[in-house]
Amino acid sequence: MTEPLETPRPEGEEPPVSLRKILQENPFLVKMLVFFFLMLFVPLVLAWKFDLFLVAN
């Protein structure tokens, strides 16, 4: 017989909290993540579109 993949949880122990649940309960964290990705990718896309990368020869 094969072993179960997950070991049974002890009585009273809660399952791990998912990232989706954390983001649903923290709208400020969602806004921070959106801001972070915008600040990271918007300048990168603009530099790529207008060919503004500095390339050392």
N, C-alpha and C. Protein backbone atom coordinates (compact mmCIF):
# COMPACT_ATOMS: atom_id res chain seq x y z
N MET A 1 0.83 -1.18 0.00
CA MET A 1 0.00 0.00 0.00
C MET A 1 0.88 1.25 0.00
N THR A 2 0.43 2.29 -0.68
CA THR A 2 1.25 3.50 -0.78
C THR A 2 0.95 4.45 0.38
N GLU A 3 1.94 5.22 0.72
CA GLU A 3 1.80 6.22 1.78
C GLU A 3 1.04 7.43 1.25
N PRO A 4 0.25 8.10 2.08
CA PRO A 4 -0.38 9.34 1.63
C PRO A 4 0.69 10.42 1.41
N LEU A 5 0.44 11.30 0.44
CA LEU A 5 1.42 12.33 0.12
C LEU A 5 1.57 13.35 1.24
N GLU A 6 0.47 13.66 1.91
CA GLU A 6 0.52 14.64 2.99
C GLU A 6 0.39 13.93 4.33
N THR A 7 1.17 14.39 5.29
CA THR A 7 1.02 13.83 6.63
C THR A 7 -0.19 14.48 7.28
N PRO A 8 -0.94 13.74 8.08
CA PRO A 8 -2.12 14.33 8.71
C PRO A 8 -1.73 15.44 9.69
N ARG A 9 -2.55 16.50 9.74
CA ARG A 9 -2.29 17.61 10.65
C ARG A 9 -2.70 17.24 12.06
N PRO A 10 -1.93 17.68 13.05
CA PRO A 10 -2.35 17.47 14.44
C PRO A 10 -3.65 18.20 14.73
N GLU A 11 -4.38 17.72 15.71
CA GLU A 11 -5.66 18.33 16.10
C GLU A 11 -5.45 19.80 16.46
N GLY A 12 -6.33 20.66 15.97
CA GLY A 12 -6.29 22.07 16.33
C GLY A 12 -5.36 22.92 15.50
N GLU A 13 -4.55 22.31 14.65
CA GLU A 13 -3.63 23.10 13.82
C GLU A 13 -4.37 23.54 12.56
N GLU A 14 -4.25 24.83 12.24
CA GLU A 14 -4.93 25.38 11.07
C GLU A 14 -4.11 25.15 9.82
N PRO A 15 -4.76 25.05 8.67
CA PRO A 15 -4.00 24.89 7.42
C PRO A 15 -3.25 26.18 7.09
N PRO A 16 -2.23 26.09 6.25
CA PRO A 16 -1.49 27.30 5.89
C PRO A 16 -2.38 28.31 5.16
N VAL A 17 -2.08 29.57 5.36
CA VAL A 17 -2.87 30.64 4.75
C VAL A 17 -2.38 30.84 3.32
N SER A 18 -3.32 30.95 2.37
CA SER A 18 -2.93 31.11 0.97
C SER A 18 -2.64 32.59 0.67
N LEU A 19 -1.87 32.79 -0.36
CA LEU A 19 -1.54 34.16 -0.79
C LEU A 19 -2.79 34.90 -1.22
N ARG A 20 -3.72 34.20 -1.87
CA ARG A 20 -4.98 34.82 -2.31
C ARG A 20 -5.76 35.36 -1.11
N LYS A 21 -5.79 34.59 -0.02
CA LYS A 21 -6.52 35.03 1.18
C LYS A 21 -5.85 36.26 1.79
N ILE A 22 -4.53 36.28 1.81
CA ILE A 22 -3.80 37.43 2.35
C ILE A 22 -4.10 38.68 1.53
N LEU A 23 -4.09 38.55 0.20
CA LEU A 23 -4.33 39.70 -0.65
C LEU A 23 -5.78 40.17 -0.59
N GLN A 24 -6.72 39.25 -0.37
CA GLN A 24 -8.12 39.65 -0.24
C GLN A 24 -8.35 40.46 1.03
N GLU A 25 -7.60 40.16 2.07
CA GLU A 25 -7.80 40.85 3.35
C GLU A 25 -6.94 42.10 3.49
N ASN A 26 -6.02 42.35 2.57
CA ASN A 26 -5.13 43.51 2.66
C ASN A 26 -5.13 44.31 1.36
N PRO A 27 -6.11 45.18 1.16
CA PRO A 27 -6.13 45.96 -0.09
C PRO A 27 -4.92 46.89 -0.23
N PHE A 28 -4.37 47.34 0.90
CA PHE A 28 -3.19 48.20 0.84
C PHE A 28 -2.00 47.44 0.26
N LEU A 29 -1.86 46.18 0.64
CA LEU A 29 -0.78 45.35 0.11
C LEU A 29 -0.93 45.16 -1.40
N VAL A 30 -2.16 44.98 -1.86
CA VAL A 30 -2.42 44.84 -3.29
C VAL A 30 -2.00 46.11 -4.02
N LYS A 31 -2.36 47.28 -3.47
CA LYS A 31 -1.98 48.55 -4.09
C LYS A 31 -0.46 48.72 -4.12
N MET A 32 0.20 48.30 -3.04
CA MET A 32 1.66 48.40 -3.01
C MET A 32 2.30 47.51 -4.07
N LEU A 33 1.78 46.29 -4.25
CA LEU A 33 2.33 45.39 -5.25
C LEU A 33 2.10 45.91 -6.67
N VAL A 34 0.91 46.45 -6.92
CA VAL A 34 0.63 47.03 -8.23
C VAL A 34 1.57 48.20 -8.50
N PHE A 35 1.75 49.07 -7.52
CA PHE A 35 2.66 50.20 -7.66
C PHE A 35 4.09 49.73 -7.94
N PHE A 36 4.53 48.72 -7.20
CA PHE A 36 5.88 48.18 -7.38
C PHE A 36 6.09 47.68 -8.81
N PHE A 37 5.13 46.88 -9.30
CA PHE A 37 5.28 46.33 -10.65
C PHE A 37 5.19 47.42 -11.72
N LEU A 38 4.34 48.41 -11.50
CA LEU A 38 4.27 49.52 -12.46
C LEU A 38 5.59 50.29 -12.49
N MET A 39 6.15 50.56 -11.32
CA MET A 39 7.41 51.29 -11.27
C MET A 39 8.55 50.47 -11.85
N LEU A 40 8.42 49.17 -11.82
CA LEU A 40 9.47 48.31 -12.36
C LEU A 40 9.35 48.16 -13.88
N PHE A 41 8.13 47.93 -14.37
CA PHE A 41 7.97 47.55 -15.77
C PHE A 41 7.65 48.71 -16.71
N VAL A 42 7.02 49.77 -16.25
CA VAL A 42 6.71 50.89 -17.15
C VAL A 42 7.99 51.53 -17.69
N PRO A 43 8.97 51.88 -16.86
CA PRO A 43 10.22 52.43 -17.42
C PRO A 43 10.94 51.44 -18.33
N LEU A 44 10.88 50.16 -18.00
CA LEU A 44 11.52 49.15 -18.83
C LEU A 44 10.86 49.07 -20.21
N VAL A 45 9.55 49.09 -20.25
CA VAL A 45 8.82 49.03 -21.53
C VAL A 45 9.06 50.31 -22.33
N LEU A 46 9.06 51.46 -21.67
CA LEU A 46 9.31 52.72 -22.39
C LEU A 46 10.72 52.75 -22.96
N ALA A 47 11.70 52.30 -22.18
CA ALA A 47 13.07 52.27 -22.68
C ALA A 47 13.19 51.31 -23.86
N TRP A 48 12.50 50.18 -23.80
CA TRP A 48 12.54 49.23 -24.90
C TRP A 48 11.86 49.81 -26.15
N LYS A 49 10.72 50.45 -25.95
CA LYS A 49 9.95 50.99 -27.09
C LYS A 49 10.72 52.11 -27.79
N PHE A 50 11.34 52.99 -27.02
CA PHE A 50 12.04 54.13 -27.61
C PHE A 50 13.53 53.88 -27.78
N ASP A 51 13.97 52.66 -27.56
CA ASP A 51 15.37 52.26 -27.74
C ASP A 51 16.31 53.16 -26.94
N LEU A 52 16.01 53.30 -25.66
CA LEU A 52 16.81 54.17 -24.79
C LEU A 52 17.76 53.41 -23.87
N PHE A 53 17.99 52.14 -24.17
CA PHE A 53 18.92 51.39 -23.34
C PHE A 53 20.34 51.89 -23.59
N LEU A 54 21.10 52.00 -22.52
CA LEU A 54 22.50 52.39 -22.66
C LEU A 54 23.31 51.11 -22.83
N VAL A 55 23.96 50.98 -23.96
CA VAL A 55 24.72 49.77 -24.24
C VAL A 55 26.19 50.16 -24.31
N ALA A 56 27.00 49.50 -23.49
CA ALA A 56 28.44 49.77 -23.51
C ALA A 56 29.06 49.03 -24.69
N ASN A 57 29.87 49.75 -25.45
CA ASN A 57 30.51 49.13 -26.62
C ASN A 57 31.87 48.60 -26.24
